[in-house]
Amino acid sequence: MKIHSYCGFLLSSAAFVLAPAAAQTDGSAPRARPAAKPAPAAPAYTGPREKMVVAMPKTYGKSETMALWGDYFSHLSRCGNIDLHNALGESLDKTSNVDILGEKELIEAISTGKAQLAQVNPGLAAQLVTAGQPAPFGVPGNKTSGVRNSYKLILISRVDSPFKEPKDLVGKKVAHTTPTSNSGNLAPRALFPALGLAPDKDYEVVFSNGHERSVTGVMHGFYPAAAVASDLYQRMIVKGDVKGSSIRTIWESPPFMTETWTMSKDVSPELQARVKKCSFSYNFSPNLQKQLPGNDTFLPINFDRDFATVMEVFRKSQAAKK
């Protein structure tokens, strides 16, 4: 690109110098050079068009999921020469009927190869890797700083409640999200006992079946408190689903890796490399950047480093079951 740009500069300069002379000899005006075509944003792949089934978590409904990630799917389709489908065989280029699955269904789809590309929460990523699936390959991050998106487990209650620290919740009900959620269940079971708030011992666990349900339940007084992911809570504030001024954060954990993207083990190495390269060349849409402030692209993952805290929580939660 530097060589082409430099040559273009020289030619342009030469045309500027020679144009007056040409005009004096034949009376003609200098010809305008055609505009240069913009370079493609990412490499194009030729050969047979590959197919991949996509599965997404039940974080949002289908229309909102596609509003956030549809642009990424279109980029991946163009860049990688990949036809992304739902389980019914419908191309995501032509339908918004993306598959959104519960955690058990999502694990099954990836493990059995029914889905080849999926977004998973940290708890599911730990479970999949432990079961022999490939480590997740990409996470939202900032291209300039290299900082990967992360979140914290936060323990929240209403701002007008009497609960101001974890021990105040002894004997109360606290909402967890789902059994396999990292921040919604596994991390509280691993980290809360040190705070004097052991789940199922010092308080009653109530599963809400989702972070948004937990936050909404606290806001409307259904639950005295809830353990949720800070990033999902912040997205609810951005969307206007909840007022931050109405919620108090009682406690927060060190950072965890957030939702990541993974592929099933039956995806060929060539196609894996294609998906990764195209994903890392993707610039987030304005809508996605609004929902993920500070993040503008996908960054690669070093699983041992980036998932150290998640794996510690997962191992502790597994050991507690024995």
C-alpha atoms as a PDB file:
ATOM      1  CA  MET A   1       0.000   0.000   0.000  1.00  0.00           C
ATOM      2  CA  LYS A   2       2.865   2.427   0.810  1.00  0.00           C
ATOM      3  CA  ILE A   3       4.527   1.764  -2.578  1.00  0.00           C
ATOM      4  CA  HIS A   4       1.260   2.265  -4.459  1.00  0.00           C
ATOM      5  CA  SER A   5       0.498   5.463  -2.555  1.00  0.00           C
ATOM      6  CA  TYR A   6       3.997   6.814  -3.186  1.00  0.00           C
ATOM      7  CA  CYS A   7       3.812   6.027  -6.919  1.00  0.00           C
ATOM      8  CA  GLY A   8       0.385   7.592  -7.073  1.00  0.00           C
ATOM      9  CA  PHE A   9       1.810  10.741  -5.501  1.00  0.00           C
ATOM     10  CA  LEU A  10       4.644  10.936  -8.045  1.00  0.00           C
ATOM     11  CA  LEU A  11       2.288  10.408 -10.990  1.00  0.00           C
ATOM     12  CA  SER A  12      -0.119  12.977  -9.638  1.00  0.00           C
ATOM     13  CA  SER A  13       2.715  15.492  -9.182  1.00  0.00           C
ATOM     14  CA  ALA A  14       4.022  14.809 -12.679  1.00  0.00           C
ATOM     15  CA  ALA A  15       0.588  15.334 -14.167  1.00  0.00           C
ATOM     16  CA  PHE A  16       0.334  18.643 -12.353  1.00  0.00           C
ATOM     17  CA  VAL A  17       3.693  19.857 -13.711  1.00  0.00           C
ATOM     18  CA  LEU A  18       3.208  18.621 -17.288  1.00  0.00           C
ATOM     19  CA  ALA A  19      -0.401  19.688 -17.733  1.00  0.00           C
ATOM     20  CA  PRO A  20       0.321  23.377 -18.475  1.00  0.00           C
ATOM     21  CA  ALA A  21       2.934  22.428 -21.089  1.00  0.00           C
ATOM     22  CA  ALA A  22       0.527  20.046 -22.790  1.00  0.00           C
ATOM     23  CA  ALA A  23      -2.137  22.713 -22.830  1.00  0.00           C
ATOM     24  CA  GLN A  24       0.244  25.174 -24.545  1.00  0.00           C
ATOM     25  CA  THR A  25       1.156  22.739 -27.345  1.00  0.00           C
ATOM     26  CA  ASP A  26      -2.230  21.315 -28.322  1.00  0.00           C
ATOM     27  CA  GLY A  27      -4.739  23.541 -26.558  1.00  0.00           C
ATOM     28  CA  SER A  28      -6.366  20.621 -24.736  1.00  0.00           C
ATOM     29  CA  ALA A  29      -7.183  20.564 -21.020  1.00  0.00           C
ATOM     30  CA  PRO A  30      -5.469  17.981 -18.807  1.00  0.00           C
ATOM     31  CA  ARG A  31      -7.444  14.772 -18.418  1.00  0.00           C
ATOM     32  CA  ALA A  32      -8.745  13.922 -14.965  1.00  0.00           C
ATOM     33  CA  ARG A  33      -7.459  10.632 -13.565  1.00  0.00           C
ATOM     34  CA  PRO A  34     -10.117   8.098 -12.579  1.00  0.00           C
ATOM     35  CA  ALA A  35     -10.692   7.831  -8.833  1.00  0.00           C
ATOM     36  CA  ALA A  36      -8.772   5.011  -7.210  1.00  0.00           C
ATOM     37  CA  LYS A  37     -10.863   2.100  -6.010  1.00  0.00           C
ATOM     38  CA  PRO A  38     -10.802   1.618  -2.234  1.00  0.00           C
ATOM     39  CA  ALA A  39      -8.890  -1.418  -1.052  1.00  0.00           C
ATOM     40  CA  PRO A  40     -11.045  -4.254   0.308  1.00  0.00           C
ATOM     41  CA  ALA A  41     -11.427  -4.181   4.081  1.00  0.00           C
ATOM     42  CA  ALA A  42     -10.521  -7.847   4.404  1.00  0.00           C
ATOM     43  CA  PRO A  43      -9.173 -10.637   2.189  1.00  0.00           C
ATOM     44  CA  ALA A  44     -11.629 -12.424  -0.088  1.00  0.00           C
ATOM     45  CA  TYR A  45     -11.634 -16.217  -0.156  1.00  0.00           C
ATOM     46  CA  THR A  46     -12.329 -18.116  -3.332  1.00  0.00           C
ATOM     47  CA  GLY A  47     -13.375 -21.681  -3.904  1.00  0.00           C
ATOM     48  CA  PRO A  48     -16.509 -23.482  -2.703  1.00  0.00           C
ATOM     49  CA  ARG A  49     -18.706 -21.424  -0.373  1.00  0.00           C
ATOM     50  CA  GLU A  50     -18.581 -22.922   3.125  1.00  0.00           C
ATOM     51  CA  LYS A  51     -21.608 -23.333   5.385  1.00  0.00           C
ATOM     52  CA  MET A  52     -21.788 -22.786   9.134  1.00  0.00           C
ATOM     53  CA  VAL A  53     -24.725 -22.971  11.534  1.00  0.00           C
ATOM     54  CA  VAL A  54     -24.774 -20.138  14.077  1.00  0.00           C
ATOM     55  CA  ALA A  55     -26.179 -20.393  17.613  1.00  0.00           C
ATOM     56  CA  MET A  56     -26.661 -17.481  20.012  1.00  0.00           C
ATOM     57  CA  PRO A  57     -27.501 -17.308  23.735  1.00  0.00           C
ATOM     58  CA  LYS A  58     -30.850 -16.123  25.066  1.00  0.00           C
ATOM     59  CA  THR A  59     -29.403 -12.803  26.154  1.00  0.00           C
ATOM     60  CA  TYR A  60     -31.747 -10.943  23.794  1.00  0.00           C
ATOM     61  CA  GLY A  61     -34.624 -11.783  21.472  1.00  0.00           C
ATOM     62  CA  LYS A  62     -34.024 -12.655  17.828  1.00  0.00           C
ATOM     63  CA  SER A  63     -34.619  -9.181  16.413  1.00  0.00           C
ATOM     64  CA  GLU A  64     -32.359  -7.465  18.955  1.00  0.00           C
ATOM     65  CA  THR A  65     -29.683 -10.139  18.531  1.00  0.00           C
ATOM     66  CA  MET A  66     -29.638  -9.532  14.775  1.00  0.00           C
ATOM     67  CA  ALA A  67     -29.668  -5.765  15.283  1.00  0.00           C
ATOM     68  CA  LEU A  68     -26.463  -6.124  17.286  1.00  0.00           C
ATOM     69  CA  TRP A  69     -24.669  -8.928  15.447  1.00  0.00           C
ATOM     70  CA  GLY A  70     -26.242  -9.014  11.980  1.00  0.00           C
ATOM     71  CA  ASP A  71     -23.588  -6.659  10.596  1.00  0.00           C
ATOM     72  CA  TYR A  72     -20.853  -9.002  11.865  1.00  0.00           C
ATOM     73  CA  PHE A  73     -22.577 -11.964  10.227  1.00  0.00           C
ATOM     74  CA  SER A  74     -22.762 -10.046   6.934  1.00  0.00           C
ATOM     75  CA  HIS A  75     -19.069  -9.148   7.178  1.00  0.00           C
ATOM     76  CA  LEU A  76     -18.119 -12.749   7.911  1.00  0.00           C
ATOM     77  CA  SER A  77     -20.230 -13.922   4.987  1.00  0.00           C
ATOM     78  CA  ARG A  78     -18.600 -11.499   2.529  1.00  0.00           C
ATOM     79  CA  CYS A  79     -15.064 -11.692   3.835  1.00  0.00           C
ATOM     80  CA  GLY A  80     -14.843 -15.438   4.404  1.00  0.00           C
ATOM     81  CA  ASN A  81     -17.108 -16.652   1.588  1.00  0.00           C
ATOM     82  CA  ILE A  82     -19.223 -18.344   4.262  1.00  0.00           C
ATOM     83  CA  ASP A  83     -22.966 -18.965   4.201  1.00  0.00           C
ATOM     84  CA  LEU A  84     -24.195 -18.586   7.786  1.00  0.00           C
ATOM     85  CA  HIS A  85     -27.378 -20.523   8.559  1.00  0.00           C
ATOM     86  CA  ASN A  86     -29.780 -21.292  11.367  1.00  0.00           C
ATOM     87  CA  ALA A  87     -30.599 -24.895  12.271  1.00  0.00           C
ATOM     88  CA  LEU A  88     -33.437 -24.927   9.716  1.00  0.00           C
ATOM     89  CA  GLY A  89     -30.988 -24.208   6.897  1.00  0.00           C
ATOM     90  CA  GLU A  90     -32.149 -20.602   6.401  1.00  0.00           C
ATOM     91  CA  SER A  91     -29.363 -18.207   5.438  1.00  0.00           C
ATOM     92  CA  LEU A  92     -28.847 -15.341   7.894  1.00  0.00           C
ATOM     93  CA  ASP A  93     -28.292 -13.109   4.865  1.00  0.00           C
ATOM     94  CA  LYS A  94     -31.980 -13.554   4.087  1.00  0.00           C
ATOM     95  CA  THR A  95     -33.655 -14.045   7.479  1.00  0.00           C
ATOM     96  CA  SER A  96     -33.479 -12.673  11.004  1.00  0.00           C
ATOM     97  CA  ASN A  97     -34.623 -16.044  12.363  1.00  0.00           C
ATOM     98  CA  VAL A  98     -31.336 -16.657  14.178  1.00  0.00           C
ATOM     99  CA  ASP A  99     -31.235 -19.564  16.638  1.00  0.00           C
ATOM    100  CA  ILE A 100     -31.193 -18.368  20.249  1.00  0.00           C
ATOM    101  CA  LEU A 101     -30.741 -21.240  22.668  1.00  0.00           C
ATOM    102  CA  GLY A 102     -30.823 -21.896  26.387  1.00  0.00           C
ATOM    103  CA  GLU A 103     -27.540 -22.885  27.999  1.00  0.00           C
ATOM    104  CA  LYS A 104     -28.109 -26.660  27.870  1.00  0.00           C
ATOM    105  CA  GLU A 105     -29.215 -26.492  24.222  1.00  0.00           C
ATOM    106  CA  LEU A 106     -26.259 -24.267  23.356  1.00  0.00           C
ATOM    107  CA  ILE A 107     -23.793 -26.693  24.931  1.00  0.00           C
ATOM    108  CA  GLU A 108     -25.424 -29.608  23.115  1.00  0.00           C
ATOM    109  CA  ALA A 109     -25.430 -27.814  19.747  1.00  0.00           C
ATOM    110  CA  ILE A 110     -21.715 -27.022  19.931  1.00  0.00           C
ATOM    111  CA  SER A 111     -20.676 -30.380  21.398  1.00  0.00           C
ATOM    112  CA  THR A 112     -22.566 -32.399  18.780  1.00  0.00           C
ATOM    113  CA  GLY A 113     -21.553 -30.188  15.866  1.00  0.00           C
ATOM    114  CA  LYS A 114     -25.131 -29.078  15.164  1.00  0.00           C
ATOM    115  CA  ALA A 115     -23.798 -25.522  15.476  1.00  0.00           C
ATOM    116  CA  GLN A 116     -20.329 -24.581  14.244  1.00  0.00           C
ATOM    117  CA  LEU A 117     -20.144 -20.958  15.421  1.00  0.00           C
ATOM    118  CA  ALA A 118     -21.556 -19.599  18.667  1.00  0.00           C
ATOM    119  CA  GLN A 119     -21.358 -16.887  21.279  1.00  0.00           C
ATOM    120  CA  VAL A 120     -21.000 -18.272  24.809  1.00  0.00           C
ATOM    121  CA  ASN A 121     -20.750 -16.873  28.308  1.00  0.00           C
ATOM    122  CA  PRO A 122     -17.587 -17.555  30.375  1.00  0.00           C
ATOM    123  CA  GLY A 123     -19.176 -20.364  32.382  1.00  0.00           C
ATOM    124  CA  LEU A 124     -20.142 -22.226  29.209  1.00  0.00           C
ATOM    125  CA  ALA A 125     -16.701 -21.605  27.695  1.00  0.00           C
ATOM    126  CA  ALA A 126     -15.071 -23.249  30.723  1.00  0.00           C
ATOM    127  CA  GLN A 127     -17.461 -26.184  30.501  1.00  0.00           C
ATOM    128  CA  LEU A 128     -16.853 -26.667  26.768  1.00  0.00           C
ATOM    129  CA  VAL A 129     -13.056 -26.510  27.012  1.00  0.00           C
ATOM    130  CA  THR A 130     -13.059 -28.937  29.932  1.00  0.00           C
ATOM    131  CA  ALA A 131     -15.121 -31.323  27.767  1.00  0.00           C
ATOM    132  CA  GLY A 132     -12.567 -31.178  24.941  1.00  0.00           C
ATOM    133  CA  GLN A 133     -13.963 -28.454  22.694  1.00  0.00           C
ATOM    134  CA  PRO A 134     -11.633 -25.762  21.274  1.00  0.00           C
ATOM    135  CA  ALA A 135     -10.959 -22.674  23.364  1.00  0.00           C
ATOM    136  CA  PRO A 136     -12.923 -19.570  22.328  1.00  0.00           C
ATOM    137  CA  PHE A 137     -11.076 -17.547  19.697  1.00  0.00           C
ATOM    138  CA  GLY A 138     -12.328 -13.982  19.991  1.00  0.00           C
ATOM    139  CA  VAL A 139     -13.660 -11.411  22.423  1.00  0.00           C
ATOM    140  CA  PRO A 140     -14.761  -7.792  21.966  1.00  0.00           C
ATOM    141  CA  GLY A 141     -11.975  -5.339  22.671  1.00  0.00           C
ATOM    142  CA  ASN A 142     -10.313  -2.061  21.733  1.00  0.00           C
ATOM    143  CA  LYS A 143      -8.042  -2.094  18.706  1.00  0.00           C
ATOM    144  CA  THR A 144      -5.868   0.819  19.861  1.00  0.00           C
ATOM    145  CA  SER A 145      -5.342  -0.095  23.500  1.00  0.00           C
ATOM    146  CA  GLY A 146      -5.519  -3.874  23.090  1.00  0.00           C
ATOM    147  CA  VAL A 147      -7.779  -4.052  26.157  1.00  0.00           C
ATOM    148  CA  ARG A 148     -10.209  -6.969  26.067  1.00  0.00           C
ATOM    149  CA  ASN A 149     -13.766  -6.504  27.237  1.00  0.00           C
ATOM    150  CA  SER A 150     -14.414  -7.728  30.751  1.00  0.00           C
ATOM    151  CA  TYR A 151     -17.063  -7.553  33.419  1.00  0.00           C
ATOM    152  CA  LYS A 152     -17.458  -8.000  37.147  1.00  0.00           C
ATOM    153  CA  LEU A 153     -19.808 -10.026  39.270  1.00  0.00           C
ATOM    154  CA  ILE A 154     -21.862  -7.464  41.145  1.00  0.00           C
ATOM    155  CA  LEU A 155     -24.236  -7.976  44.044  1.00  0.00           C
ATOM    156  CA  ILE A 156     -27.075  -5.472  43.740  1.00  0.00           C
ATOM    157  CA  SER A 157     -30.127  -4.330  45.711  1.00  0.00           C
ATOM    158  CA  ARG A 158     -32.543  -1.412  45.551  1.00  0.00           C
ATOM    159  CA  VAL A 159     -31.022   1.888  46.600  1.00  0.00           C
ATOM    160  CA  ASP A 160     -33.803   2.355  49.155  1.00  0.00           C
ATOM    161  CA  SER A 161     -33.262  -1.096  50.717  1.00  0.00           C
ATOM    162  CA  PRO A 162     -31.565  -1.617  54.110  1.00  0.00           C
ATOM    163  CA  PHE A 163     -28.891  -3.873  52.497  1.00  0.00           C
ATOM    164  CA  LYS A 164     -25.542  -2.115  52.226  1.00  0.00           C
ATOM    165  CA  GLU A 165     -23.024  -4.965  52.487  1.00  0.00           C
ATOM    166  CA  PRO A 166     -23.101  -8.719  51.783  1.00  0.00           C
ATOM    167  CA  LYS A 167     -23.583  -9.826  55.375  1.00  0.00           C
ATOM    168  CA  ASP A 168     -26.824  -7.833  55.543  1.00  0.00           C
ATOM    169  CA  LEU A 169     -28.378 -10.462  53.259  1.00  0.00           C
ATOM    170  CA  VAL A 170     -27.989 -13.367  55.683  1.00  0.00           C
ATOM    171  CA  GLY A 171     -31.334 -15.125  55.949  1.00  0.00           C
ATOM    172  CA  LYS A 172     -32.722 -13.424  52.837  1.00  0.00           C
ATOM    173  CA  LYS A 173     -33.428 -14.548  49.256  1.00  0.00           C
ATOM    174  CA  VAL A 174     -30.839 -13.696  46.619  1.00  0.00           C
ATOM    175  CA  ALA A 175     -31.461 -14.165  42.894  1.00  0.00           C
ATOM    176  CA  HIS A 176     -29.001 -16.207  40.869  1.00  0.00           C
ATOM    177  CA  THR A 177     -29.518 -16.421  37.098  1.00  0.00           C
ATOM    178  CA  THR A 178     -28.967 -19.982  35.804  1.00  0.00           C
ATOM    179  CA  PRO A 179     -26.976 -22.957  37.142  1.00  0.00           C
ATOM    180  CA  THR A 180     -24.189 -22.755  34.527  1.00  0.00           C
ATOM    181  CA  SER A 181     -23.792 -18.962  34.482  1.00  0.00           C
ATOM    182  CA  ASN A 182     -20.381 -17.779  35.706  1.00  0.00           C
ATOM    183  CA  SER A 183     -21.391 -14.465  37.265  1.00  0.00           C
ATOM    184  CA  GLY A 184     -24.969 -15.558  37.895  1.00  0.00           C
ATOM    185  CA  ASN A 185     -24.187 -18.702  39.898  1.00  0.00           C
ATOM    186  CA  LEU A 186     -20.706 -20.255  39.732  1.00  0.00           C
ATOM    187  CA  ALA A 187     -18.771 -17.181  40.850  1.00  0.00           C
ATOM    188  CA  PRO A 188     -21.130 -16.395  43.761  1.00  0.00           C
ATOM    189  CA  ARG A 189     -20.731 -19.962  45.015  1.00  0.00           C
ATOM    190  CA  ALA A 190     -16.947 -19.678  44.789  1.00  0.00           C
ATOM    191  CA  LEU A 191     -16.501 -16.116  46.086  1.00  0.00           C
ATOM    192  CA  PHE A 192     -19.399 -15.305  48.431  1.00  0.00           C
ATOM    193  CA  PRO A 193     -18.447 -17.691  51.279  1.00  0.00           C
ATOM    194  CA  ALA A 194     -15.354 -15.569  51.984  1.00  0.00           C
ATOM    195  CA  LEU A 195     -17.726 -12.631  52.462  1.00  0.00           C
ATOM    196  CA  GLY A 196     -19.725 -14.494  55.097  1.00  0.00           C
ATOM    197  CA  LEU A 197     -22.511 -15.151  52.635  1.00  0.00           C
ATOM    198  CA  ALA A 198     -22.451 -18.805  51.578  1.00  0.00           C
ATOM    199  CA  PRO A 199     -25.167 -19.691  49.019  1.00  0.00           C
ATOM    200  CA  ASP A 200     -27.806 -22.183  50.234  1.00  0.00           C
ATOM    201  CA  LYS A 201     -26.444 -21.789  53.761  1.00  0.00           C
ATOM    202  CA  ASP A 202     -26.515 -18.109  54.680  1.00  0.00           C
ATOM    203  CA  TYR A 203     -29.194 -17.208  52.130  1.00  0.00           C
ATOM    204  CA  GLU A 204     -31.784 -18.876  49.919  1.00  0.00           C
ATOM    205  CA  VAL A 205     -30.858 -19.110  46.233  1.00  0.00           C
ATOM    206  CA  VAL A 206     -33.686 -18.273  43.804  1.00  0.00           C
ATOM    207  CA  PHE A 207     -33.017 -18.823  40.100  1.00  0.00           C
ATOM    208  CA  SER A 208     -34.460 -16.037  37.934  1.00  0.00           C
ATOM    209  CA  ASN A 209     -33.510 -17.583  34.571  1.00  0.00           C
ATOM    210  CA  GLY A 210     -31.555 -14.571  33.323  1.00  0.00           C
ATOM    211  CA  HIS A 211     -29.557 -11.463  34.234  1.00  0.00           C
ATOM    212  CA  GLU A 212     -32.235  -9.099  32.974  1.00  0.00           C
ATOM    213  CA  ARG A 213     -34.845 -10.957  35.009  1.00  0.00           C
ATOM    214  CA  SER A 214     -32.668 -10.665  38.102  1.00  0.00           C
ATOM    215  CA  VAL A 215     -32.122  -6.922  37.660  1.00  0.00           C
ATOM    216  CA  THR A 216     -35.790  -6.305  36.908  1.00  0.00           C
ATOM    217  CA  GLY A 217     -36.764  -8.448  39.902  1.00  0.00           C
ATOM    218  CA  VAL A 218     -34.595  -6.347  42.215  1.00  0.00           C
ATOM    219  CA  MET A 219     -35.890  -3.105  40.717  1.00  0.00           C
ATOM    220  CA  HIS A 220     -39.520  -4.117  41.309  1.00  0.00           C
ATOM    221  CA  GLY A 221     -38.887  -5.598  44.739  1.00  0.00           C
ATOM    222  CA  PHE A 222     -39.336  -9.282  43.867  1.00  0.00           C
ATOM    223  CA  TYR A 223     -35.818 -10.100  45.110  1.00  0.00           C
ATOM    224  CA  PRO A 224     -33.992  -8.367  47.972  1.00  0.00           C
ATOM    225  CA  ALA A 225     -30.732  -8.729  46.002  1.00  0.00           C
ATOM    226  CA  ALA A 226     -29.218 -10.413  42.948  1.00  0.00           C
ATOM    227  CA  ALA A 227     -25.860 -11.570  41.616  1.00  0.00           C
ATOM    228  CA  VAL A 228     -25.454 -10.365  38.012  1.00  0.00           C
ATOM    229  CA  ALA A 229     -22.854  -9.465  35.385  1.00  0.00           C
ATOM    230  CA  SER A 230     -21.897  -5.794  35.441  1.00  0.00           C
ATOM    231  CA  ASP A 231     -21.743  -5.479  31.637  1.00  0.00           C
ATOM    232  CA  LEU A 232     -25.245  -6.855  31.132  1.00  0.00           C
ATOM    233  CA  TYR A 233     -26.512  -4.559  33.872  1.00  0.00           C
ATOM    234  CA  GLN A 234     -24.862  -1.560  32.181  1.00  0.00           C
ATOM    235  CA  ARG A 235     -26.452  -2.514  28.840  1.00  0.00           C
ATOM    236  CA  MET A 236     -29.867  -2.398  30.518  1.00  0.00           C
ATOM    237  CA  ILE A 237     -29.090   1.140  31.679  1.00  0.00           C
ATOM    238  CA  VAL A 238     -27.985   2.145  28.155  1.00  0.00           C
ATOM    239  CA  LYS A 239     -31.216   0.727  26.706  1.00  0.00           C
ATOM    240  CA  GLY A 240     -33.294   2.522  29.333  1.00  0.00           C
ATOM    241  CA  ASP A 241     -34.640  -0.704  30.839  1.00  0.00           C
ATOM    242  CA  VAL A 242     -33.498   0.304  34.317  1.00  0.00           C
ATOM    243  CA  LYS A 243     -32.385   3.492  36.077  1.00  0.00           C
ATOM    244  CA  GLY A 244     -28.925   3.201  37.563  1.00  0.00           C
ATOM    245  CA  SER A 245     -29.955   5.615  40.296  1.00  0.00           C
ATOM    246  CA  SER A 246     -32.504   3.081  41.575  1.00  0.00           C
ATOM    247  CA  ILE A 247     -29.941   0.283  42.134  1.00  0.00           C
ATOM    248  CA  ARG A 248     -27.178  -0.012  44.715  1.00  0.00           C
ATOM    249  CA  THR A 249     -24.057  -2.126  44.123  1.00  0.00           C
ATOM    250  CA  ILE A 250     -23.259  -3.825  47.430  1.00  0.00           C
ATOM    251  CA  TRP A 251     -20.117  -5.655  46.282  1.00  0.00           C
ATOM    252  CA  GLU A 252     -18.129  -6.324  43.102  1.00  0.00           C
ATOM    253  CA  SER A 253     -15.534  -8.917  42.117  1.00  0.00           C
ATOM    254  CA  PRO A 254     -12.248  -8.649  40.211  1.00  0.00           C
ATOM    255  CA  PRO A 255     -12.719  -8.623  36.400  1.00  0.00           C
ATOM    256  CA  PHE A 256     -13.784 -11.678  34.395  1.00  0.00           C
ATOM    257  CA  MET A 257     -13.592 -12.280  30.652  1.00  0.00           C
ATOM    258  CA  THR A 258     -16.944 -11.505  29.032  1.00  0.00           C
ATOM    259  CA  GLU A 259     -18.910 -13.357  26.311  1.00  0.00           C
ATOM    260  CA  THR A 260     -16.659 -14.892  23.681  1.00  0.00           C
ATOM    261  CA  TRP A 261     -17.001 -16.572  20.290  1.00  0.00           C
ATOM    262  CA  THR A 262     -16.168 -20.209  19.747  1.00  0.00           C
ATOM    263  CA  MET A 263     -16.268 -22.868  17.053  1.00  0.00           C
ATOM    264  CA  SER A 264     -17.026 -26.568  17.364  1.00  0.00           C
ATOM    265  CA  LYS A 265     -14.181 -29.066  17.028  1.00  0.00           C
ATOM    266  CA  ASP A 266     -15.464 -30.450  13.733  1.00  0.00           C
ATOM    267  CA  VAL A 267     -14.728 -27.171  11.911  1.00  0.00           C
ATOM    268  CA  SER A 268     -11.739 -27.673   9.614  1.00  0.00           C
ATOM    269  CA  PRO A 269      -8.472 -25.864  10.459  1.00  0.00           C
ATOM    270  CA  GLU A 270      -8.695 -23.926   7.172  1.00  0.00           C
ATOM    271  CA  LEU A 271     -12.200 -22.679   7.933  1.00  0.00           C
ATOM    272  CA  GLN A 272     -11.246 -21.867  11.532  1.00  0.00           C
ATOM    273  CA  ALA A 273      -8.369 -19.732  10.262  1.00  0.00           C
ATOM    274  CA  ARG A 274     -10.704 -18.018   7.790  1.00  0.00           C
ATOM    275  CA  VAL A 275     -13.281 -17.179  10.480  1.00  0.00           C
ATOM    276  CA  LYS A 276     -10.611 -15.860  12.831  1.00  0.00           C
ATOM    277  CA  LYS A 277      -8.922 -13.672  10.222  1.00  0.00           C
ATOM    278  CA  CYS A 278     -12.206 -12.168   9.070  1.00  0.00           C
ATOM    279  CA  SER A 279     -13.425 -11.670  12.652  1.00  0.00           C
ATOM    280  CA  PHE A 280     -10.267  -9.822  13.641  1.00  0.00           C
ATOM    281  CA  SER A 281     -10.654  -7.535  10.597  1.00  0.00           C
ATOM    282  CA  TYR A 282     -14.214  -6.575  11.558  1.00  0.00           C
ATOM    283  CA  ASN A 283     -14.919  -3.027  12.745  1.00  0.00           C
ATOM    284  CA  PHE A 284     -17.926  -2.936  15.047  1.00  0.00           C
ATOM    285  CA  SER A 285     -21.074  -1.210  13.822  1.00  0.00           C
ATOM    286  CA  PRO A 286     -22.148   2.013  15.588  1.00  0.00           C
ATOM    287  CA  ASN A 287     -25.030   0.129  17.231  1.00  0.00           C
ATOM    288  CA  LEU A 288     -22.679  -2.517  18.611  1.00  0.00           C
ATOM    289  CA  GLN A 289     -20.207   0.092  19.846  1.00  0.00           C
ATOM    290  CA  LYS A 290     -23.067   1.811  21.668  1.00  0.00           C
ATOM    291  CA  GLN A 291     -23.966  -1.428  23.448  1.00  0.00           C
ATOM    292  CA  LEU A 292     -20.297  -2.291  24.123  1.00  0.00           C
ATOM    293  CA  PRO A 293     -18.720   1.074  25.031  1.00  0.00           C
ATOM    294  CA  GLY A 294     -14.976   1.218  24.432  1.00  0.00           C
ATOM    295  CA  ASN A 295     -14.967  -1.862  22.178  1.00  0.00           C
ATOM    296  CA  ASP A 296     -14.570  -1.578  18.406  1.00  0.00           C
ATOM    297  CA  THR A 297     -13.306  -4.943  17.153  1.00  0.00           C
ATOM    298  CA  PHE A 298     -12.569  -8.562  18.077  1.00  0.00           C
ATOM    299  CA  LEU A 299      -9.285  -9.431  19.759  1.00  0.00           C
ATOM    300  CA  PRO A 300      -7.696 -12.900  20.008  1.00  0.00           C
ATOM    301  CA  ILE A 301      -7.765 -14.840  23.277  1.00  0.00           C
ATOM    302  CA  ASN A 302      -4.970 -16.419  25.274  1.00  0.00           C
ATOM    303  CA  PHE A 303      -7.149 -18.899  27.149  1.00  0.00           C
ATOM    304  CA  ASP A 304      -4.732 -19.763  29.967  1.00  0.00           C
ATOM    305  CA  ARG A 305      -4.178 -16.083  30.724  1.00  0.00           C
ATOM    306  CA  ASP A 306      -7.565 -14.545  29.992  1.00  0.00           C
ATOM    307  CA  PHE A 307      -9.683 -17.308  31.541  1.00  0.00           C
ATOM    308  CA  ALA A 308      -7.555 -17.976  34.641  1.00  0.00           C
ATOM    309  CA  THR A 309     -10.127 -16.487  37.042  1.00  0.00           C
ATOM    310  CA  VAL A 310     -13.043 -18.113  35.222  1.00  0.00           C
ATOM    311  CA  MET A 311     -11.380 -21.548  35.342  1.00  0.00           C
ATOM    312  CA  GLU A 312     -10.587 -21.113  39.051  1.00  0.00           C
ATOM    313  CA  VAL A 313     -14.254 -20.431  39.742  1.00  0.00           C
ATOM    314  CA  PHE A 314     -15.320 -23.354  37.535  1.00  0.00           C
ATOM    315  CA  ARG A 315     -12.984 -25.822  39.274  1.00  0.00           C
ATOM    316  CA  LYS A 316     -14.126 -24.669  42.717  1.00  0.00           C
ATOM    317  CA  SER A 317     -17.765 -25.023  41.730  1.00  0.00           C
ATOM    318  CA  GLN A 318     -17.133 -28.523  40.376  1.00  0.00           C
ATOM    319  CA  ALA A 319     -15.248 -29.545  43.514  1.00  0.00           C
ATOM    320  CA  ALA A 320     -18.118 -28.285  45.681  1.00  0.00           C
ATOM    321  CA  LYS A 321     -20.476 -30.697  43.947  1.00  0.00           C
ATOM    322  CA  LYS A 322     -18.452 -33.765  44.955  1.00  0.00           C
END
